[in-house]
PDB file of all heavy atoms in Angstrom:
ATOM      1  N   CYS A   1      10.942  -0.014  20.939  1.00  0.00           N
ATOM      2  CA  CYS A   1      10.572  -1.238  21.702  1.00  0.00           C
ATOM      3  C   CYS A   1       9.779  -2.245  20.914  1.00  0.00           C
ATOM      4  O   CYS A   1       9.767  -3.381  21.301  1.00  0.00           O
ATOM      5  CB  CYS A   1       9.836  -0.717  22.968  1.00  0.00           C
ATOM      6  SG  CYS A   1       8.130  -0.222  22.633  1.00  0.00           S
ATOM      7  N   GLY A   2       9.086  -1.851  19.881  1.00  0.00           N
ATOM      8  CA  GLY A   2       8.404  -2.818  19.054  1.00  0.00           C
ATOM      9  C   GLY A   2       6.933  -3.124  19.542  1.00  0.00           C
ATOM     10  O   GLY A   2       6.221  -3.914  18.908  1.00  0.00           O
ATOM     11  N   ALA A   3       6.489  -2.556  20.674  1.00  0.00           N
ATOM     12  CA  ALA A   3       5.234  -2.834  21.267  1.00  0.00           C
ATOM     13  C   ALA A   3       4.057  -2.407  20.377  1.00  0.00           C
ATOM     14  O   ALA A   3       2.929  -2.936  20.503  1.00  0.00           O
ATOM     15  CB  ALA A   3       5.051  -2.344  22.590  1.00  0.00           C
ATOM     16  N   CYS A   4       4.315  -1.428  19.526  1.00  0.00           N
ATOM     17  CA  CYS A   4       3.228  -0.856  18.702  1.00  0.00           C
ATOM     18  C   CYS A   4       3.339  -1.461  17.208  1.00  0.00           C
ATOM     19  O   CYS A   4       2.619  -0.867  16.339  1.00  0.00           O
ATOM     20  CB  CYS A   4       3.404   0.705  18.624  1.00  0.00           C
ATOM     21  SG  CYS A   4       4.898   1.115  17.665  1.00  0.00           S
ATOM     22  N   THR A   5       4.007  -2.582  17.019  1.00  0.00           N
ATOM     23  CA  THR A   5       4.121  -3.090  15.680  1.00  0.00           C
ATOM     24  C   THR A   5       2.808  -3.550  15.146  1.00  0.00           C
ATOM     25  O   THR A   5       1.992  -4.247  15.830  1.00  0.00           O
ATOM     26  CB  THR A   5       5.117  -4.310  15.719  1.00  0.00           C
ATOM     27  OG1 THR A   5       6.437  -3.837  16.184  1.00  0.00           O
ATOM     28  CG2 THR A   5       5.389  -4.816  14.255  1.00  0.00           C
ATOM     29  N   VAL A   6       2.468  -3.146  13.916  1.00  0.00           N
ATOM     30  CA  VAL A   6       1.324  -3.465  13.157  1.00  0.00           C
ATOM     31  C   VAL A   6       1.790  -3.978  11.813  1.00  0.00           C
ATOM     32  O   VAL A   6       2.963  -3.716  11.401  1.00  0.00           O
ATOM     33  CB  VAL A   6       0.295  -2.443  13.014  1.00  0.00           C
ATOM     34  CG1 VAL A   6      -0.224  -2.018  14.387  1.00  0.00           C
ATOM     35  CG2 VAL A   6       0.865  -1.225  12.247  1.00  0.00           C
ATOM     36  N   LEU A   7       0.913  -4.632  10.987  1.00  0.00           N
ATOM     37  CA  LEU A   7       1.158  -4.884   9.567  1.00  0.00           C
ATOM     38  C   LEU A   7       0.567  -3.735   8.784  1.00  0.00           C
ATOM     39  O   LEU A   7      -0.636  -3.455   8.898  1.00  0.00           O
ATOM     40  CB  LEU A   7       0.686  -6.240   9.199  1.00  0.00           C
ATOM     41  CG  LEU A   7       1.220  -7.410   9.950  1.00  0.00           C
ATOM     42  CD1 LEU A   7       0.498  -8.714   9.332  1.00  0.00           C
ATOM     43  CD2 LEU A   7       2.695  -7.555   9.809  1.00  0.00           C
ATOM     44  N   LEU A   8       1.341  -3.152   7.916  1.00  0.00           N
ATOM     45  CA  LEU A   8       0.939  -2.128   6.998  1.00  0.00           C
ATOM     46  C   LEU A   8       1.090  -2.690   5.639  1.00  0.00           C
ATOM     47  O   LEU A   8       2.225  -2.891   5.225  1.00  0.00           O
ATOM     48  CB  LEU A   8       1.736  -0.826   7.194  1.00  0.00           C
ATOM     49  CG  LEU A   8       1.271   0.425   6.418  1.00  0.00           C
ATOM     50  CD1 LEU A   8      -0.129   0.752   6.736  1.00  0.00           C
ATOM     51  CD2 LEU A   8       2.201   1.588   6.750  1.00  0.00           C
ATOM     52  N   ASP A   9       0.045  -3.057   5.001  1.00  0.00           N
ATOM     53  CA  ASP A   9       0.020  -3.778   3.735  1.00  0.00           C
ATOM     54  C   ASP A   9       0.901  -5.095   3.760  1.00  0.00           C
ATOM     55  O   ASP A   9       1.672  -5.374   2.910  1.00  0.00           O
ATOM     56  CB  ASP A   9       0.526  -2.864   2.607  1.00  0.00           C
ATOM     57  CG  ASP A   9      -0.383  -1.822   2.242  1.00  0.00           C
ATOM     58  OD1 ASP A   9      -1.703  -1.961   2.565  1.00  0.00           O
ATOM     59  OD2 ASP A   9      -0.023  -0.760   1.738  1.00  0.00           O
ATOM     60  N   GLY A  10       0.827  -5.764   4.941  1.00  0.00           N
ATOM     61  CA  GLY A  10       1.511  -7.024   5.211  1.00  0.00           C
ATOM     62  C   GLY A  10       2.889  -6.847   5.648  1.00  0.00           C
ATOM     63  O   GLY A  10       3.568  -7.917   6.060  1.00  0.00           O
ATOM     64  N   GLU A  11       3.415  -5.676   5.845  1.00  0.00           N
ATOM     65  CA  GLU A  11       4.792  -5.502   6.262  1.00  0.00           C
ATOM     66  C   GLU A  11       4.798  -4.947   7.799  1.00  0.00           C
ATOM     67  O   GLU A  11       3.985  -4.040   8.019  1.00  0.00           O
ATOM     68  CB  GLU A  11       5.574  -4.529   5.324  1.00  0.00           C
ATOM     69  CG  GLU A  11       5.697  -4.994   3.997  1.00  0.00           C
ATOM     70  CD  GLU A  11       6.801  -5.984   3.791  1.00  0.00           C
ATOM     71  OE1 GLU A  11       7.745  -5.975   4.533  1.00  0.00           O
ATOM     72  OE2 GLU A  11       6.558  -6.879   2.923  1.00  0.00           O
ATOM     73  N   ALA A  12       5.677  -5.433   8.566  1.00  0.00           N
ATOM     74  CA  ALA A  12       5.751  -4.885   9.902  1.00  0.00           C
ATOM     75  C   ALA A  12       6.143  -3.430   9.977  1.00  0.00           C
ATOM     76  O   ALA A  12       7.087  -3.040   9.193  1.00  0.00           O
ATOM     77  CB  ALA A  12       6.803  -5.679  10.712  1.00  0.00           C
ATOM     78  N   ALA A  13       5.452  -2.678  10.794  1.00  0.00           N
ATOM     79  CA  ALA A  13       5.761  -1.233  10.774  1.00  0.00           C
ATOM     80  C   ALA A  13       5.449  -0.757  12.265  1.00  0.00           C
ATOM     81  O   ALA A  13       4.497  -1.272  12.909  1.00  0.00           O
ATOM     82  CB  ALA A  13       4.807  -0.433   9.852  1.00  0.00           C
ATOM     83  N   ARG A  14       6.254   0.139  12.751  1.00  0.00           N
ATOM     84  CA  ARG A  14       6.100   0.738  14.023  1.00  0.00           C
ATOM     85  C   ARG A  14       4.963   1.836  13.934  1.00  0.00           C
ATOM     86  O   ARG A  14       5.237   2.971  13.399  1.00  0.00           O
ATOM     87  CB  ARG A  14       7.351   1.402  14.546  1.00  0.00           C
ATOM     88  CG  ARG A  14       8.454   0.412  14.651  1.00  0.00           C
ATOM     89  CD  ARG A  14       8.348  -0.629  15.700  1.00  0.00           C
ATOM     90  NE  ARG A  14       9.573  -1.181  16.064  1.00  0.00           N
ATOM     91  CZ  ARG A  14       9.924  -2.442  15.906  1.00  0.00           C
ATOM     92  NH1 ARG A  14       9.052  -3.308  15.418  1.00  0.00           N
ATOM     93  NH2 ARG A  14      11.084  -2.918  16.377  1.00  0.00           N
ATOM     94  N   SER A  15       3.834   1.577  14.522  1.00  0.00           N
ATOM     95  CA  SER A  15       2.655   2.499  14.347  1.00  0.00           C
ATOM     96  C   SER A  15       2.861   3.836  15.056  1.00  0.00           C
ATOM     97  O   SER A  15       2.238   4.759  14.764  1.00  0.00           O
ATOM     98  CB  SER A  15       1.401   1.817  14.750  1.00  0.00           C
ATOM     99  OG  SER A  15       1.412   1.497  16.140  1.00  0.00           O
ATOM    100  N   CYS A  16       3.814   3.862  15.974  1.00  0.00           N
ATOM    101  CA  CYS A  16       4.140   5.166  16.750  1.00  0.00           C
ATOM    102  C   CYS A  16       4.907   6.075  15.819  1.00  0.00           C
ATOM    103  O   CYS A  16       4.907   7.278  16.028  1.00  0.00           O
ATOM    104  CB  CYS A  16       4.744   4.892  18.042  1.00  0.00           C
ATOM    105  SG  CYS A  16       6.460   4.383  17.892  1.00  0.00           S
ATOM    106  N   LEU A  17       5.511   5.515  14.695  1.00  0.00           N
ATOM    107  CA  LEU A  17       6.315   6.327  13.840  1.00  0.00           C
ATOM    108  C   LEU A  17       5.571   6.719  12.580  1.00  0.00           C
ATOM    109  O   LEU A  17       6.130   7.456  11.696  1.00  0.00           O
ATOM    110  CB  LEU A  17       7.585   5.689  13.471  1.00  0.00           C
ATOM    111  CG  LEU A  17       8.560   5.440  14.683  1.00  0.00           C
ATOM    112  CD1 LEU A  17       9.801   4.648  14.178  1.00  0.00           C
ATOM    113  CD2 LEU A  17       8.947   6.715  15.340  1.00  0.00           C
ATOM    114  N   VAL A  18       4.421   6.083  12.307  1.00  0.00           N
ATOM    115  CA  VAL A  18       3.680   6.234  11.105  1.00  0.00           C
ATOM    116  C   VAL A  18       2.509   7.235  11.453  1.00  0.00           C
ATOM    117  O   VAL A  18       1.787   6.989  12.315  1.00  0.00           O
ATOM    118  CB  VAL A  18       3.011   4.974  10.639  1.00  0.00           C
ATOM    119  CG1 VAL A  18       2.189   5.142   9.348  1.00  0.00           C
ATOM    120  CG2 VAL A  18       4.134   4.005  10.316  1.00  0.00           C
ATOM    121  N   LEU A  19       2.330   8.257  10.607  1.00  0.00           N
ATOM    122  CA  LEU A  19       1.197   9.174  10.809  1.00  0.00           C
ATOM    123  C   LEU A  19      -0.062   8.480  10.210  1.00  0.00           C
ATOM    124  O   LEU A  19       0.098   7.776   9.182  1.00  0.00           O
ATOM    125  CB  LEU A  19       1.433  10.468  10.082  1.00  0.00           C
ATOM    126  CG  LEU A  19       2.557  11.406  10.614  1.00  0.00           C
ATOM    127  CD1 LEU A  19       2.810  12.613   9.715  1.00  0.00           C
ATOM    128  CD2 LEU A  19       2.243  11.841  12.070  1.00  0.00           C
ATOM    129  N   ALA A  20      -1.176   8.664  10.814  1.00  0.00           N
ATOM    130  CA  ALA A  20      -2.402   8.038  10.294  1.00  0.00           C
ATOM    131  C   ALA A  20      -2.575   8.387   8.915  1.00  0.00           C
ATOM    132  O   ALA A  20      -3.072   7.500   8.132  1.00  0.00           O
ATOM    133  CB  ALA A  20      -3.520   8.537  11.206  1.00  0.00           C
ATOM    134  N   VAL A  21      -2.338   9.561   8.446  1.00  0.00           N
ATOM    135  CA  VAL A  21      -2.536  10.047   7.003  1.00  0.00           C
ATOM    136  C   VAL A  21      -1.700   9.182   6.103  1.00  0.00           C
ATOM    137  O   VAL A  21      -2.113   9.082   4.938  1.00  0.00           O
ATOM    138  CB  VAL A  21      -2.452  11.518   6.864  1.00  0.00           C
ATOM    139  CG1 VAL A  21      -3.425  12.223   7.670  1.00  0.00           C
ATOM    140  CG2 VAL A  21      -1.049  11.992   7.187  1.00  0.00           C
ATOM    141  N   GLN A  22      -0.489   8.734   6.620  1.00  0.00           N
ATOM    142  CA  GLN A  22       0.314   7.901   5.731  1.00  0.00           C
ATOM    143  C   GLN A  22      -0.406   6.576   5.494  1.00  0.00           C
ATOM    144  O   GLN A  22       0.055   5.853   4.479  1.00  0.00           O
ATOM    145  CB  GLN A  22       1.632   7.673   6.364  1.00  0.00           C
ATOM    146  CG  GLN A  22       2.508   9.008   6.386  1.00  0.00           C
ATOM    147  CD  GLN A  22       3.674   8.759   7.168  1.00  0.00           C
ATOM    148  OE1 GLN A  22       3.719   8.591   8.329  1.00  0.00           O
ATOM    149  NE2 GLN A  22       4.852   8.936   6.427  1.00  0.00           N
ATOM    150  N   ALA A  23      -1.320   6.137   6.237  1.00  0.00           N
ATOM    151  CA  ALA A  23      -1.967   4.842   6.062  1.00  0.00           C
ATOM    152  C   ALA A  23      -3.254   4.979   5.160  1.00  0.00           C
ATOM    153  O   ALA A  23      -3.868   3.975   4.891  1.00  0.00           O
ATOM    154  CB  ALA A  23      -2.451   4.236   7.399  1.00  0.00           C
ATOM    155  N   ASP A  24      -3.481   6.154   4.685  1.00  0.00           N
ATOM    156  CA  ASP A  24      -4.708   6.451   3.873  1.00  0.00           C
ATOM    157  C   ASP A  24      -4.615   5.427   2.581  1.00  0.00           C
ATOM    158  O   ASP A  24      -3.645   5.429   1.959  1.00  0.00           O
ATOM    159  CB  ASP A  24      -4.690   7.769   3.371  1.00  0.00           C
ATOM    160  CG  ASP A  24      -5.985   8.250   2.666  1.00  0.00           C
ATOM    161  OD1 ASP A  24      -7.064   7.620   2.957  1.00  0.00           O
ATOM    162  OD2 ASP A  24      -5.923   8.988   1.687  1.00  0.00           O
ATOM    163  N   GLY A  25      -5.640   4.767   2.381  1.00  0.00           N
ATOM    164  CA  GLY A  25      -5.709   3.795   1.210  1.00  0.00           C
ATOM    165  C   GLY A  25      -5.003   2.486   1.489  1.00  0.00           C
ATOM    166  O   GLY A  25      -4.931   1.667   0.540  1.00  0.00           O
ATOM    167  N   HIS A  26      -4.474   2.251   2.645  1.00  0.00           N
ATOM    168  CA  HIS A  26      -3.740   0.968   2.945  1.00  0.00           C
ATOM    169  C   HIS A  26      -4.492   0.084   3.849  1.00  0.00           C
ATOM    170  O   HIS A  26      -5.479   0.383   4.424  1.00  0.00           O
ATOM    171  CB  HIS A  26      -2.350   1.416   3.495  1.00  0.00           C
ATOM    172  CG  HIS A  26      -1.452   2.147   2.659  1.00  0.00           C
ATOM    173  ND1 HIS A  26      -0.792   1.555   1.597  1.00  0.00           N
ATOM    174  CD2 HIS A  26      -1.282   3.468   2.478  1.00  0.00           C
ATOM    175  CE1 HIS A  26      -0.018   2.448   0.896  1.00  0.00           C
ATOM    176  NE2 HIS A  26      -0.356   3.664   1.383  1.00  0.00           N
ATOM    177  N   GLN A  27      -3.885  -1.094   3.956  1.00  0.00           N
ATOM    178  CA  GLN A  27      -4.446  -2.078   4.907  1.00  0.00           C
ATOM    179  C   GLN A  27      -3.552  -2.235   6.158  1.00  0.00           C
ATOM    180  O   GLN A  27      -2.321  -2.350   6.032  1.00  0.00           O
ATOM    181  CB  GLN A  27      -4.441  -3.523   4.217  1.00  0.00           C
ATOM    182  CG  GLN A  27      -5.394  -3.574   3.055  1.00  0.00           C
ATOM    183  CD  GLN A  27      -5.351  -4.931   2.392  1.00  0.00           C
ATOM    184  OE1 GLN A  27      -4.840  -5.909   2.983  1.00  0.00           O
ATOM    185  NE2 GLN A  27      -5.938  -5.016   1.161  1.00  0.00           N
ATOM    186  N   VAL A  28      -4.217  -2.123   7.298  1.00  0.00           N
ATOM    187  CA  VAL A  28      -3.585  -2.184   8.594  1.00  0.00           C
ATOM    188  C   VAL A  28      -4.015  -3.470   9.281  1.00  0.00           C
ATOM    189  O   VAL A  28      -5.314  -3.605   9.392  1.00  0.00           O
ATOM    190  CB  VAL A  28      -3.838  -0.944   9.490  1.00  0.00           C
ATOM    191  CG1 VAL A  28      -3.212  -1.061  10.816  1.00  0.00           C
ATOM    192  CG2 VAL A  28      -3.295   0.336   8.716  1.00  0.00           C
ATOM    193  N   THR A  29      -3.169  -4.245   9.840  1.00  0.00           N
ATOM    194  CA  THR A  29      -3.550  -5.406  10.597  1.00  0.00           C
ATOM    195  C   THR A  29      -2.892  -5.324  11.956  1.00  0.00           C
ATOM    196  O   THR A  29      -1.787  -5.124  12.076  1.00  0.00           O
ATOM    197  CB  THR A  29      -3.161  -6.713   9.908  1.00  0.00           C
ATOM    198  OG1 THR A  29      -3.644  -6.708   8.606  1.00  0.00           O
ATOM    199  CG2 THR A  29      -3.687  -7.926  10.727  1.00  0.00           C
TER     200      THR A  29
END
C-alpha cells in the first residue's frame, strides 16, 4: 500500500518490510 514509506539513506523504502536491524548505521527520514 505504500503507507509506511520512509527514506532510507535518501531512497524510498517500505518500512514494514525492513527489519530495524537492517537500518543500523543508516539514516531514516
